[in-house]
Protein backbone atom coordinates (compact mmCIF):
# COMPACT_ATOMS: atom_id res chain seq x y z
CA UNK A 1 -7.02 -5.71 -34.96
CA UNK A 2 -8.03 -5.13 -31.49
CA UNK A 3 -6.05 -6.87 -28.71
CA UNK A 4 -8.06 -9.03 -26.57
CA UNK A 5 -9.48 -7.52 -23.39
CA UNK A 6 -7.50 -8.12 -20.23
CA UNK A 7 -9.01 -8.74 -16.94
CA UNK A 8 -8.05 -6.58 -13.95
CA UNK A 9 -8.39 -9.22 -11.43
CA UNK A 10 -5.83 -11.69 -10.57
CA UNK A 11 -5.76 -14.97 -12.85
CA UNK A 12 -4.12 -16.78 -9.90
CA UNK A 13 -5.47 -16.16 -6.41
CA UNK A 14 -2.22 -16.60 -4.58
CA UNK A 15 -1.18 -14.24 -1.70
CA UNK A 16 1.15 -12.09 -3.96
CA UNK A 17 -1.54 -11.59 -6.37
CA UNK A 18 -4.15 -10.58 -3.68
CA UNK A 19 -1.73 -8.07 -2.40
CA UNK A 20 -1.15 -6.53 -5.86
CA UNK A 21 -4.74 -6.47 -6.44
CA UNK A 22 -5.32 -4.52 -3.19
CA UNK A 23 -2.63 -2.17 -4.14
CA UNK A 24 -3.95 -1.34 -7.54
CA UNK A 25 -7.38 -0.98 -5.86
CA UNK A 26 -6.06 1.71 -3.50
CA UNK A 27 -3.55 3.49 -5.68
CA UNK A 28 -5.74 3.51 -8.70
CA UNK A 29 -8.90 4.33 -6.78
CA UNK A 30 -10.72 1.15 -8.12
CA UNK A 31 -13.06 -0.06 -5.52
CA UNK A 32 -14.53 -2.70 -7.80
CA UNK A 33 -11.30 -4.63 -7.54
CA UNK A 34 -11.65 -4.95 -3.66
CA UNK A 35 -13.82 -8.19 -3.72
CA UNK A 36 -11.03 -10.00 -5.77
CA UNK A 37 -8.61 -9.27 -2.91
CA UNK A 38 -10.68 -9.34 0.39
CA UNK A 39 -13.17 -11.84 1.89
CA UNK A 40 -16.57 -10.44 2.66
CA UNK A 41 -16.06 -10.74 6.28
CA UNK A 42 -12.39 -9.63 6.37
CA UNK A 43 -11.01 -7.16 9.26
CA UNK A 44 -8.78 -4.24 9.10
CA UNK A 45 -6.81 -3.28 12.27
CA UNK A 46 -5.04 0.03 11.97
CA UNK A 47 -2.24 1.45 14.33
CA UNK A 48 -1.45 5.08 13.55
CA UNK A 49 1.83 6.48 14.99
CA UNK A 50 1.61 9.85 13.34
CA UNK A 51 -0.69 13.04 13.73
CA UNK A 52 -0.40 13.64 9.87
CA UNK A 53 -3.11 11.14 8.89
CA UNK A 54 -5.92 9.43 10.52
CA UNK A 55 -7.69 6.12 10.07
CA UNK A 56 -10.48 4.11 12.17
CA UNK A 57 -8.70 1.82 14.44
CA UNK A 58 -10.78 -1.06 13.28
CA UNK A 59 -13.13 -1.79 9.99
CA UNK A 60 -15.02 -4.85 9.61
CA UNK A 61 -16.40 -6.47 6.36
CA UNK A 62 -15.53 -5.79 2.84
CA UNK A 63 -17.81 -2.85 2.42
CA UNK A 64 -16.13 -0.91 5.31
CA UNK A 65 -12.57 -1.79 4.40
CA UNK A 66 -13.19 -0.65 0.85
CA UNK A 67 -14.79 2.56 2.06
CA UNK A 68 -11.80 3.36 4.23
CA UNK A 69 -8.76 2.12 2.15
CA UNK A 70 -10.24 3.10 -1.35
CA UNK A 71 -13.18 5.36 -1.56
CA UNK A 72 -12.52 7.97 1.23
CA UNK A 73 -8.85 7.63 0.49
CA UNK A 74 -9.30 8.33 -3.16
CA UNK A 75 -11.35 11.26 -2.31
CA UNK A 76 -8.42 12.90 -0.36
CA UNK A 77 -5.35 11.72 -2.36
CA UNK A 78 -3.96 11.14 -5.71
CA UNK A 79 -0.71 10.18 -7.36
CA UNK A 80 -0.45 7.33 -5.02
CA UNK A 81 2.31 4.78 -5.10
CA UNK A 82 2.46 2.04 -2.52
CA UNK A 83 5.32 -0.32 -2.17
CA UNK A 84 5.70 -3.68 -0.39
CA UNK A 85 9.53 -3.60 0.83
CA UNK A 86 10.54 -7.05 0.96
CA UNK A 87 13.25 -9.56 -0.43
CA UNK A 88 10.89 -12.52 -0.47
CA UNK A 89 7.35 -12.53 -1.95
CA UNK A 90 4.70 -14.63 -0.01
CA UNK A 91 4.64 -18.45 -0.79
CA UNK A 92 1.64 -19.48 -2.97
CA UNK A 93 0.30 -21.41 0.20
CA UNK A 94 1.19 -19.08 2.78
CA UNK A 95 -1.55 -18.30 5.53
CA UNK A 96 0.19 -15.20 6.80
CA UNK A 97 2.75 -12.82 5.59
CA UNK A 98 4.50 -9.83 7.04
CA UNK A 99 6.31 -6.95 5.03
CA UNK A 100 7.07 -3.37 5.40
CA UNK A 101 5.70 -0.65 3.18
CA UNK A 102 6.33 2.86 1.71
CA UNK A 103 3.61 5.18 0.26
CA UNK A 104 3.88 8.46 -1.33
CA UNK A 105 1.04 10.67 -2.59
CA UNK A 106 -0.30 14.23 -3.05
CA UNK A 107 -3.09 15.78 -1.27
CA UNK A 108 -5.82 16.78 -3.93
CA UNK A 109 -6.81 19.87 -1.85
CA UNK A 110 -3.36 21.38 -1.01
CA UNK A 111 -1.07 19.66 -3.27
CA UNK A 112 1.28 18.75 -0.50
CA UNK A 113 3.18 15.58 -0.75
CA UNK A 114 2.80 12.90 2.02
CA UNK A 115 5.30 10.00 2.44
CA UNK A 116 4.90 7.51 5.06
CA UNK A 117 6.04 3.97 6.03
CA UNK A 118 5.07 0.99 8.26
CA UNK A 119 4.23 -2.61 8.08
CA UNK A 120 1.66 -4.97 6.87
CA UNK A 121 0.40 -8.09 8.46
CA UNK A 122 -1.79 -10.31 6.17
CA UNK A 123 -3.74 -13.27 7.07
CA UNK A 124 -5.45 -15.28 4.08
CA UNK A 125 -8.32 -17.79 3.79
CA UNK A 126 -7.55 -21.15 2.88
CA UNK A 127 -7.38 -22.17 -0.82
CA UNK A 128 -10.45 -24.54 -0.51
CA UNK A 129 -12.46 -21.25 0.73
CA UNK A 130 -11.20 -19.30 -2.49
CA UNK A 131 -8.11 -17.22 -1.56
CA UNK A 132 -8.74 -13.89 -0.19
CA UNK A 133 -7.26 -11.66 2.50
CA UNK A 134 -8.96 -12.52 5.59
CA UNK A 135 -7.21 -9.95 7.96
CA UNK A 136 -5.15 -7.01 7.51
CA UNK A 137 -3.02 -5.05 10.03
CA UNK A 138 -1.38 -2.05 8.93
CA UNK A 139 0.94 0.03 11.24
CA UNK A 140 1.68 3.49 10.18
CA UNK A 141 5.10 4.43 11.73
CA UNK A 142 5.68 7.49 10.09
CA UNK A 143 3.81 9.82 7.87
CA UNK A 144 5.62 13.16 6.63
CA UNK A 145 4.13 16.14 4.93
CA UNK A 146 6.25 18.11 2.54
CA UNK A 147 5.35 21.12 0.42
CA UNK A 148 3.73 20.82 -3.03
CA UNK A 149 6.95 21.91 -4.88
CA UNK A 150 8.51 18.69 -3.89
CA UNK A 151 6.15 16.54 -5.85
CA UNK A 152 8.27 16.14 -8.90
CA UNK A 153 11.61 15.22 -7.20
CA UNK A 154 9.40 12.85 -4.79
CA UNK A 155 7.16 11.28 -7.62
CA UNK A 156 8.97 11.51 -10.75
CA UNK A 157 12.53 11.50 -9.42
CA UNK A 158 12.02 8.84 -6.86
CA UNK A 159 8.93 6.72 -6.39
CA UNK A 160 8.11 6.24 -10.28
CA UNK A 161 11.77 4.84 -10.70
CA UNK A 162 11.23 2.22 -8.09
CA UNK A 163 10.14 -1.38 -8.89
CA UNK A 164 6.30 -1.32 -8.48
CA UNK A 165 4.68 -2.68 -6.28
CA UNK A 166 7.48 -4.96 -5.00
CA UNK A 167 10.83 -3.31 -3.77
CA UNK A 168 13.24 -3.33 -0.89
CA UNK A 169 14.03 -0.76 1.81
CA UNK A 170 17.51 -0.64 0.83
CA UNK A 171 16.59 0.41 -2.92
CA UNK A 172 13.99 2.92 -1.50
CA UNK A 173 16.54 4.46 0.79
CA UNK A 174 19.46 4.47 -1.97
CA UNK A 175 17.14 6.12 -4.47
CA UNK A 176 15.54 8.83 -1.96
CA UNK A 177 16.11 12.46 -2.62
CA UNK A 178 18.25 14.44 -0.08
CA UNK A 179 15.31 16.26 1.80
CA UNK A 180 15.55 16.66 5.54
CA UNK A 181 11.89 16.15 5.89
CA UNK A 182 12.11 12.33 4.72
CA UNK A 183 14.56 11.38 7.24
CA UNK A 184 11.80 9.91 9.73
CA UNK A 185 10.63 7.63 7.03
CA UNK A 186 14.12 6.76 5.95
CA UNK A 187 15.40 6.14 9.63
CA UNK A 188 12.55 3.71 9.88
CA UNK A 189 13.29 1.94 6.67
CA UNK A 190 17.07 1.60 7.26
CA UNK A 191 16.30 -0.42 10.43
CA UNK A 192 14.00 -2.66 8.66
CA UNK A 193 15.91 -3.64 5.52
CA UNK A 194 16.45 -7.46 5.38
């Protein structure tokens, strides 16, 4: 007997479900999920404090945000793991939510590994409007590039073992491999643990 098909979109459109849907869309290169997470008139503000990666400073509208965060991102990177680092999930009725994040991924062309961190600032539409992300601010505090031969220890030995997509900075730091190149990321996360 074939099990019933399951929907990839969130059943309950609360802020935590919207964030999980965004992470699935980005990490799994599934642009079709973005309308289930973002409002059609959503805005994206990016602050990049690293020369190792670049994004437009501002994107307006669902199509532009999907292009930047999913389509173009997915053309360049694979094996993506994004974690929201927090001790508390957003309340079901939250209008805003802030958390830190950690990401690891491989560059499709070179095989190099990128590990970065920063913060998310989320703003959600009201429930009566159909909950969606109305605005997202992403700050990239650090983005480190490591050689391709570190992929197994970073992806399999570290990131794949963390609780996904919700974890904490302390758990990420405790489980991190002893690689000097990760220190800028870990130093930031150590200051952010709550």
